[in-house]
Amino acid sequence: MKKLQDITQRIIALFLSSALGIITGSAIIAPELEMWKSAALAGFVAVAKVAETLAKASIDGTLTAEEINSAFGGKPSTTKKK
């Protein structure tokens, strides 16, 4: 359940950050395109890339924290185990 909550929160954050990042550029490059459409497209593409990576990583039946971090472009944890 913790993994699902973590992935869900990160997907929402990914969607928002991708959507917000494209709004300015699309307003300049394609002013005829409605902003919400370009934001939605950018968000969905970013989420689809992560979902594909997570699906590939979970083919073996397990999904580790490292695989989740890698799918979101994060760095692996550097905490040392005692």
PDB file of N, CA and C in Angstrom:
ATOM      1  N   MET A   1       0.823  -1.198   0.000  1.00  0.00           N
ATOM      2  CA  MET A   1       0.000   0.000   0.000  1.00  0.00           C
ATOM      3  C   MET A   1       0.861   1.253   0.000  1.00  0.00           C
ATOM      4  N   LYS A   2       1.989   1.198   0.726  1.00  0.00           N
ATOM      5  CA  LYS A   2       2.892   2.337   0.792  1.00  0.00           C
ATOM      6  C   LYS A   2       3.474   2.644  -0.586  1.00  0.00           C
ATOM      7  N   LYS A   3       3.839   1.592  -1.343  1.00  0.00           N
ATOM      8  CA  LYS A   3       4.376   1.805  -2.688  1.00  0.00           C
ATOM      9  C   LYS A   3       3.337   2.450  -3.594  1.00  0.00           C
ATOM     10  N   LEU A   4       2.099   1.991  -3.506  1.00  0.00           N
ATOM     11  CA  LEU A   4       1.034   2.549  -4.337  1.00  0.00           C
ATOM     12  C   LEU A   4       0.810   4.019  -4.025  1.00  0.00           C
ATOM     13  N   GLN A   5       0.804   4.363  -2.753  1.00  0.00           N
ATOM     14  CA  GLN A   5       0.625   5.762  -2.351  1.00  0.00           C
ATOM     15  C   GLN A   5       1.795   6.615  -2.841  1.00  0.00           C
ATOM     16  N   ASP A   6       3.005   6.101  -2.705  1.00  0.00           N
ATOM     17  CA  ASP A   6       4.197   6.821  -3.157  1.00  0.00           C
ATOM     18  C   ASP A   6       4.146   7.051  -4.668  1.00  0.00           C
ATOM     19  N   ILE A   7       3.827   6.004  -5.420  1.00  0.00           N
ATOM     20  CA  ILE A   7       3.760   6.119  -6.878  1.00  0.00           C
ATOM     21  C   ILE A   7       2.661   7.085  -7.291  1.00  0.00           C
ATOM     22  N   THR A   8       1.504   7.013  -6.664  1.00  0.00           N
ATOM     23  CA  THR A   8       0.391   7.908  -6.993  1.00  0.00           C
ATOM     24  C   THR A   8       0.753   9.365  -6.747  1.00  0.00           C
ATOM     25  N   GLN A   9       1.345   9.653  -5.609  1.00  0.00           N
ATOM     26  CA  GLN A   9       1.743  11.027  -5.309  1.00  0.00           C
ATOM     27  C   GLN A   9       2.781  11.527  -6.292  1.00  0.00           C
ATOM     28  N   ARG A  10       3.714  10.684  -6.638  1.00  0.00           N
ATOM     29  CA  ARG A  10       4.768  11.097  -7.565  1.00  0.00           C
ATOM     30  C   ARG A  10       4.229  11.278  -8.980  1.00  0.00           C
ATOM     31  N   ILE A  11       3.258  10.472  -9.391  1.00  0.00           N
ATOM     32  CA  ILE A  11       2.661  10.634 -10.715  1.00  0.00           C
ATOM     33  C   ILE A  11       1.904  11.957 -10.793  1.00  0.00           C
ATOM     34  N   ILE A  12       1.190  12.308  -9.748  1.00  0.00           N
ATOM     35  CA  ILE A  12       0.482  13.597  -9.733  1.00  0.00           C
ATOM     36  C   ILE A  12       1.478  14.744  -9.824  1.00  0.00           C
ATOM     37  N   ALA A  13       2.545  14.663  -9.061  1.00  0.00           N
ATOM     38  CA  ALA A  13       3.568  15.710  -9.113  1.00  0.00           C
ATOM     39  C   ALA A  13       4.233  15.767 -10.484  1.00  0.00           C
ATOM     40  N   LEU A  14       4.493  14.629 -11.078  1.00  0.00           N
ATOM     41  CA  LEU A  14       5.082  14.566 -12.415  1.00  0.00           C
ATOM     42  C   LEU A  14       4.160  15.195 -13.447  1.00  0.00           C
ATOM     43  N   PHE A  15       2.873  14.861 -13.369  1.00  0.00           N
ATOM     44  CA  PHE A  15       1.892  15.414 -14.301  1.00  0.00           C
ATOM     45  C   PHE A  15       1.871  16.939 -14.199  1.00  0.00           C
ATOM     46  N   LEU A  16       1.788  17.441 -12.984  1.00  0.00           N
ATOM     47  CA  LEU A  16       1.716  18.890 -12.792  1.00  0.00           C
ATOM     48  C   LEU A  16       2.987  19.594 -13.249  1.00  0.00           C
ATOM     49  N   SER A  17       4.135  19.047 -12.899  1.00  0.00           N
ATOM     50  CA  SER A  17       5.382  19.710 -13.294  1.00  0.00           C
ATOM     51  C   SER A  17       5.577  19.677 -14.807  1.00  0.00           C
ATOM     52  N   SER A  18       5.188  18.602 -15.452  1.00  0.00           N
ATOM     53  CA  SER A  18       5.300  18.525 -16.910  1.00  0.00           C
ATOM     54  C   SER A  18       4.309  19.458 -17.588  1.00  0.00           C
ATOM     55  N   ALA A  19       3.110  19.515 -17.059  1.00  0.00           N
ATOM     56  CA  ALA A  19       2.086  20.378 -17.649  1.00  0.00           C
ATOM     57  C   ALA A  19       2.450  21.851 -17.498  1.00  0.00           C
ATOM     58  N   LEU A  20       2.921  22.230 -16.327  1.00  0.00           N
ATOM     59  CA  LEU A  20       3.277  23.630 -16.102  1.00  0.00           C
ATOM     60  C   LEU A  20       4.482  24.046 -16.935  1.00  0.00           C
ATOM     61  N   GLY A  21       5.384  23.124 -17.158  1.00  0.00           N
ATOM     62  CA  GLY A  21       6.569  23.429 -17.941  1.00  0.00           C
ATOM     63  C   GLY A  21       6.282  23.701 -19.402  1.00  0.00           C
ATOM     64  N   ILE A  22       5.217  23.165 -19.927  1.00  0.00           N
ATOM     65  CA  ILE A  22       4.920  23.306 -21.354  1.00  0.00           C
ATOM     66  C   ILE A  22       4.031  24.507 -21.661  1.00  0.00           C
ATOM     67  N   ILE A  23       3.343  25.022 -20.669  1.00  0.00           N
ATOM     68  CA  ILE A  23       2.374  26.101 -20.906  1.00  0.00           C
ATOM     69  C   ILE A  23       3.013  27.313 -21.570  1.00  0.00           C
ATOM     70  N   THR A  24       4.133  27.770 -21.064  1.00  0.00           N
ATOM     71  CA  THR A  24       4.773  28.957 -21.628  1.00  0.00           C
ATOM     72  C   THR A  24       5.233  28.715 -23.056  1.00  0.00           C
ATOM     73  N   GLY A  25       5.894  27.601 -23.264  1.00  0.00           N
ATOM     74  CA  GLY A  25       6.384  27.297 -24.606  1.00  0.00           C
ATOM     75  C   GLY A  25       5.277  27.145 -25.625  1.00  0.00           C
ATOM     76  N   SER A  26       4.208  26.500 -25.245  1.00  0.00           N
ATOM     77  CA  SER A  26       3.117  26.302 -26.205  1.00  0.00           C
ATOM     78  C   SER A  26       2.393  27.606 -26.501  1.00  0.00           C
ATOM     79  N   ALA A  27       2.359  28.509 -25.547  1.00  0.00           N
ATOM     80  CA  ALA A  27       1.721  29.804 -25.792  1.00  0.00           C
ATOM     81  C   ALA A  27       2.504  30.592 -26.838  1.00  0.00           C
ATOM     82  N   ILE A  28       3.807  30.403 -26.865  1.00  0.00           N
ATOM     83  CA  ILE A  28       4.644  31.115 -27.830  1.00  0.00           C
ATOM     84  C   ILE A  28       4.663  30.387 -29.176  1.00  0.00           C
ATOM     85  N   ILE A  29       4.863  29.085 -29.154  1.00  0.00           N
ATOM     86  CA  ILE A  29       5.020  28.314 -30.390  1.00  0.00           C
ATOM     87  C   ILE A  29       3.697  28.061 -31.102  1.00  0.00           C
ATOM     88  N   ALA A  30       2.653  27.726 -30.360  1.00  0.00           N
ATOM     89  CA  ALA A  30       1.357  27.391 -30.972  1.00  0.00           C
ATOM     90  C   ALA A  30       0.230  28.124 -30.247  1.00  0.00           C
ATOM     91  N   PRO A  31       0.110  29.427 -30.469  1.00  0.00           N
ATOM     92  CA  PRO A  31      -0.921  30.181 -29.748  1.00  0.00           C
ATOM     93  C   PRO A  31      -2.351  29.743 -30.075  1.00  0.00           C
ATOM     94  N   GLU A  32      -2.542  29.071 -31.213  1.00  0.00           N
ATOM     95  CA  GLU A  32      -3.889  28.606 -31.561  1.00  0.00           C
ATOM     96  C   GLU A  32      -4.310  27.384 -30.754  1.00  0.00           C
ATOM     97  N   LEU A  33      -3.358  26.695 -30.140  1.00  0.00           N
ATOM     98  CA  LEU A  33      -3.652  25.526 -29.320  1.00  0.00           C
ATOM     99  C   LEU A  33      -4.054  25.983 -27.920  1.00  0.00           C
ATOM    100  N   GLU A  34      -5.184  25.469 -27.456  1.00  0.00           N
ATOM    101  CA  GLU A  34      -5.645  25.847 -26.122  1.00  0.00           C
ATOM    102  C   GLU A  34      -4.646  25.368 -25.075  1.00  0.00           C
ATOM    103  N   MET A  35      -4.415  26.216 -24.072  1.00  0.00           N
ATOM    104  CA  MET A  35      -3.399  25.906 -23.061  1.00  0.00           C
ATOM    105  C   MET A  35      -3.689  24.615 -22.317  1.00  0.00           C
ATOM    106  N   TRP A  36      -4.937  24.372 -21.973  1.00  0.00           N
ATOM    107  CA  TRP A  36      -5.242  23.169 -21.208  1.00  0.00           C
ATOM    108  C   TRP A  36      -4.951  21.918 -22.022  1.00  0.00           C
ATOM    109  N   LYS A  37      -5.108  22.003 -23.344  1.00  0.00           N
ATOM    110  CA  LYS A  37      -4.818  20.839 -24.185  1.00  0.00           C
ATOM    111  C   LYS A  37      -3.319  20.547 -24.223  1.00  0.00           C
ATOM    112  N   SER A  38      -2.526  21.586 -24.363  1.00  0.00           N
ATOM    113  CA  SER A  38      -1.078  21.360 -24.404  1.00  0.00           C
ATOM    114  C   SER A  38      -0.569  20.892 -23.037  1.00  0.00           C
ATOM    115  N   ALA A  39      -1.124  21.429 -21.960  1.00  0.00           N
ATOM    116  CA  ALA A  39      -0.726  21.009 -20.613  1.00  0.00           C
ATOM    117  C   ALA A  39      -1.127  19.553 -20.369  1.00  0.00           C
ATOM    118  N   ALA A  40      -2.328  19.188 -20.770  1.00  0.00           N
ATOM    119  CA  ALA A  40      -2.798  17.815 -20.595  1.00  0.00           C
ATOM    120  C   ALA A  40      -1.947  16.844 -21.407  1.00  0.00           C
ATOM    121  N   LEU A  41      -1.615  17.220 -22.629  1.00  0.00           N
ATOM    122  CA  LEU A  41      -0.789  16.371 -23.477  1.00  0.00           C
ATOM    123  C   LEU A  41       0.585  16.144 -22.861  1.00  0.00           C
ATOM    124  N   ALA A  42       1.209  17.201 -22.382  1.00  0.00           N
ATOM    125  CA  ALA A  42       2.526  17.075 -21.756  1.00  0.00           C
ATOM    126  C   ALA A  42       2.458  16.207 -20.505  1.00  0.00           C
ATOM    127  N   GLY A  43       1.442  16.405 -19.694  1.00  0.00           N
ATOM    128  CA  GLY A  43       1.287  15.606 -18.479  1.00  0.00           C
ATOM    129  C   GLY A  43       1.065  14.134 -18.783  1.00  0.00           C
ATOM    130  N   PHE A  44       0.201  13.852 -19.745  1.00  0.00           N
ATOM    131  CA  PHE A  44      -0.081  12.463 -20.093  1.00  0.00           C
ATOM    132  C   PHE A  44       1.139  11.760 -20.686  1.00  0.00           C
ATOM    133  N   VAL A  45       1.916  12.470 -21.500  1.00  0.00           N
ATOM    134  CA  VAL A  45       3.119  11.866 -22.078  1.00  0.00           C
ATOM    135  C   VAL A  45       4.121  11.523 -20.985  1.00  0.00           C
ATOM    136  N   ALA A  46       4.322  12.423 -20.039  1.00  0.00           N
ATOM    137  CA  ALA A  46       5.262  12.172 -18.946  1.00  0.00           C
ATOM    138  C   ALA A  46       4.807  10.984 -18.092  1.00  0.00           C
ATOM    139  N   VAL A  47       3.529  10.927 -17.786  1.00  0.00           N
ATOM    140  CA  VAL A  47       2.989   9.820 -16.984  1.00  0.00           C
ATOM    141  C   VAL A  47       3.096   8.503 -17.749  1.00  0.00           C
ATOM    142  N   ALA A  48       2.851   8.533 -19.051  1.00  0.00           N
ATOM    143  CA  ALA A  48       2.937   7.316 -19.863  1.00  0.00           C
ATOM    144  C   ALA A  48       4.361   6.759 -19.877  1.00  0.00           C
ATOM    145  N   LYS A  49       5.356   7.634 -19.950  1.00  0.00           N
ATOM    146  CA  LYS A  49       6.751   7.182 -19.931  1.00  0.00           C
ATOM    147  C   LYS A  49       7.076   6.481 -18.614  1.00  0.00           C
ATOM    148  N   VAL A  50       6.637   7.067 -17.516  1.00  0.00           N
ATOM    149  CA  VAL A  50       6.896   6.466 -16.207  1.00  0.00           C
ATOM    150  C   VAL A  50       6.123   5.158 -16.057  1.00  0.00           C
ATOM    151  N   ALA A  51       4.877   5.135 -16.490  1.00  0.00           N
ATOM    152  CA  ALA A  51       4.067   3.911 -16.393  1.00  0.00           C
ATOM    153  C   ALA A  51       4.704   2.783 -17.201  1.00  0.00           C
ATOM    154  N   GLU A  52       5.237   3.106 -18.367  1.00  0.00           N
ATOM    155  CA  GLU A  52       5.906   2.089 -19.190  1.00  0.00           C
ATOM    156  C   GLU A  52       7.146   1.544 -18.476  1.00  0.00           C
ATOM    157  N   THR A  53       7.925   2.427 -17.896  1.00  0.00           N
ATOM    158  CA  THR A  53       9.131   2.000 -17.180  1.00  0.00           C
ATOM    159  C   THR A  53       8.774   1.147 -15.966  1.00  0.00           C
ATOM    160  N   LEU A  54       7.742   1.545 -15.228  1.00  0.00           N
ATOM    161  CA  LEU A  54       7.309   0.757 -14.068  1.00  0.00           C
ATOM    162  C   LEU A  54       6.787  -0.614 -14.498  1.00  0.00           C
ATOM    163  N   ALA A  55       6.056  -0.651 -15.604  1.00  0.00           N
ATOM    164  CA  ALA A  55       5.531  -1.927 -16.096  1.00  0.00           C
ATOM    165  C   ALA A  55       6.664  -2.867 -16.491  1.00  0.00           C
ATOM    166  N   LYS A  56       7.668  -2.339 -17.171  1.00  0.00           N
ATOM    167  CA  LYS A  56       8.814  -3.163 -17.561  1.00  0.00           C
ATOM    168  C   LYS A  56       9.562  -3.673 -16.332  1.00  0.00           C
ATOM    169  N   ALA A  57       9.696  -2.811 -15.333  1.00  0.00           N
ATOM    170  CA  ALA A  57      10.427  -3.200 -14.124  1.00  0.00           C
ATOM    171  C   ALA A  57       9.674  -4.237 -13.297  1.00  0.00           C
ATOM    172  N   SER A  58       8.355  -4.266 -13.405  1.00  0.00           N
ATOM    173  CA  SER A  58       7.568  -5.177 -12.571  1.00  0.00           C
ATOM    174  C   SER A  58       7.226  -6.487 -13.272  1.00  0.00           C
ATOM    175  N   ILE A  59       7.826  -6.746 -14.413  1.00  0.00           N
ATOM    176  CA  ILE A  59       7.553  -7.988 -15.123  1.00  0.00           C
ATOM    177  C   ILE A  59       7.919  -9.211 -14.279  1.00  0.00           C
ATOM    178  N   ASP A  60       8.958  -9.084 -13.469  1.00  0.00           N
ATOM    179  CA  ASP A  60       9.378 -10.212 -12.631  1.00  0.00           C
ATOM    180  C   ASP A  60       8.482 -10.415 -11.410  1.00  0.00           C
ATOM    181  N   GLY A  61       7.504  -9.558 -11.222  1.00  0.00           N
ATOM    182  CA  GLY A  61       6.559  -9.722 -10.116  1.00  0.00           C
ATOM    183  C   GLY A  61       6.857  -8.867  -8.905  1.00  0.00           C
ATOM    184  N   THR A  62       7.989  -8.204  -8.906  1.00  0.00           N
ATOM    185  CA  THR A  62       8.326  -7.328  -7.784  1.00  0.00           C
ATOM    186  C   THR A  62       8.731  -5.960  -8.318  1.00  0.00           C
ATOM    187  N   LEU A  63       8.534  -4.981  -7.493  1.00  0.00           N
ATOM    188  CA  LEU A  63       8.894  -3.612  -7.839  1.00  0.00           C
ATOM    189  C   LEU A  63       9.623  -3.019  -6.644  1.00  0.00           C
ATOM    190  N   THR A  64      10.909  -2.823  -6.791  1.00  0.00           N
ATOM    191  CA  THR A  64      11.724  -2.335  -5.680  1.00  0.00           C
ATOM    192  C   THR A  64      11.708  -0.812  -5.632  1.00  0.00           C
ATOM    193  N   ALA A  65      12.131  -0.279  -4.510  1.00  0.00           N
ATOM    194  CA  ALA A  65      12.222   1.174  -4.352  1.00  0.00           C
ATOM    195  C   ALA A  65      13.201   1.766  -5.359  1.00  0.00           C
ATOM    196  N   GLU A  66      14.271   1.050  -5.644  1.00  0.00           N
ATOM    197  CA  GLU A  66      15.250   1.523  -6.619  1.00  0.00           C
ATOM    198  C   GLU A  66      14.640   1.604  -8.016  1.00  0.00           C
ATOM    199  N   GLU A  67      13.825   0.620  -8.370  1.00  0.00           N
ATOM    200  CA  GLU A  67      13.170   0.630  -9.681  1.00  0.00           C
ATOM    201  C   GLU A  67      12.170   1.779  -9.785  1.00  0.00           C
ATOM    202  N   ILE A  68      11.466   2.040  -8.698  1.00  0.00           N
ATOM    203  CA  ILE A  68      10.518   3.148  -8.674  1.00  0.00           C
ATOM    204  C   ILE A  68      11.255   4.470  -8.826  1.00  0.00           C
ATOM    205  N   ASN A  69      12.321   4.649  -8.056  1.00  0.00           N
ATOM    206  CA  ASN A  69      13.112   5.879  -8.159  1.00  0.00           C
ATOM    207  C   ASN A  69      13.689   6.052  -9.554  1.00  0.00           C
ATOM    208  N   SER A  70      14.159   4.980 -10.135  1.00  0.00           N
ATOM    209  CA  SER A  70      14.730   5.036 -11.479  1.00  0.00           C
ATOM    210  C   SER A  70      13.671   5.434 -12.503  1.00  0.00           C
ATOM    211  N   ALA A  71      12.468   4.916 -12.362  1.00  0.00           N
ATOM    212  CA  ALA A  71      11.392   5.236 -13.303  1.00  0.00           C
ATOM    213  C   ALA A  71      11.042   6.722 -13.271  1.00  0.00           C
ATOM    214  N   PHE A  72      11.143   7.316 -12.100  1.00  0.00           N
ATOM    215  CA  PHE A  72      10.834   8.733 -11.967  1.00  0.00           C
ATOM    216  C   PHE A  72      12.061   9.609 -12.196  1.00  0.00           C
ATOM    217  N   GLY A  73      13.162   9.002 -12.560  1.00  0.00           N
ATOM    218  CA  GLY A  73      14.378   9.763 -12.812  1.00  0.00           C
ATOM    219  C   GLY A  73      15.123  10.143 -11.563  1.00  0.00           C
ATOM    220  N   GLY A  74      14.768   9.513 -10.454  1.00  0.00           N
ATOM    221  CA  GLY A  74      15.418   9.817  -9.187  1.00  0.00           C
ATOM    222  C   GLY A  74      16.711   9.058  -9.019  1.00  0.00           C
ATOM    223  N   LYS A  75      17.471   9.489  -8.067  1.00  0.00           N
ATOM    224  CA  LYS A  75      18.720   8.820  -7.755  1.00  0.00           C
ATOM    225  C   LYS A  75      18.458   7.755  -6.703  1.00  0.00           C
ATOM    226  N   PRO A  76      19.181   6.655  -6.784  1.00  0.00           N
ATOM    227  CA  PRO A  76      18.999   5.621  -5.764  1.00  0.00           C
ATOM    228  C   PRO A  76      19.374   6.136  -4.380  1.00  0.00           C
ATOM    229  N   SER A  77      18.763   5.551  -3.407  1.00  0.00           N
ATOM    230  CA  SER A  77      19.024   5.943  -2.021  1.00  0.00           C
ATOM    231  C   SER A  77      20.479   5.663  -1.657  1.00  0.00           C
ATOM    232  N   THR A  78      21.074   6.614  -0.943  1.00  0.00           N
ATOM    233  CA  THR A  78      22.476   6.443  -0.559  1.00  0.00           C
ATOM    234  C   THR A  78      22.612   6.192   0.942  1.00  0.00           C
ATOM    235  N   THR A  79      21.511   5.838   1.607  1.00  0.00           N
ATOM    236  CA  THR A  79      21.583   5.568   3.035  1.00  0.00           C
ATOM    237  C   THR A  79      22.299   4.242   3.242  1.00  0.00           C
ATOM    238  N   LYS A  80      23.167   4.228   4.217  1.00  0.00           N
ATOM    239  CA  LYS A  80      23.945   3.038   4.518  1.00  0.00           C
ATOM    240  C   LYS A  80      23.228   2.197   5.544  1.00  0.00           C
ATOM    241  N   LYS A  81      23.203   0.892   5.298  1.00  0.00           N
ATOM    242  CA  LYS A  81      22.599  -0.026   6.254  1.00  0.00           C
ATOM    243  C   LYS A  81      23.653  -0.470   7.232  1.00  0.00           C
ATOM    244  N   LYS A  82      23.249  -0.569   8.486  1.00  0.00           N
ATOM    245  CA  LYS A  82      24.196  -1.006   9.522  1.00  0.00           C
ATOM    246  C   LYS A  82      24.126  -2.484   9.701  1.00  0.00           C
TER     247      LYS A  82
END
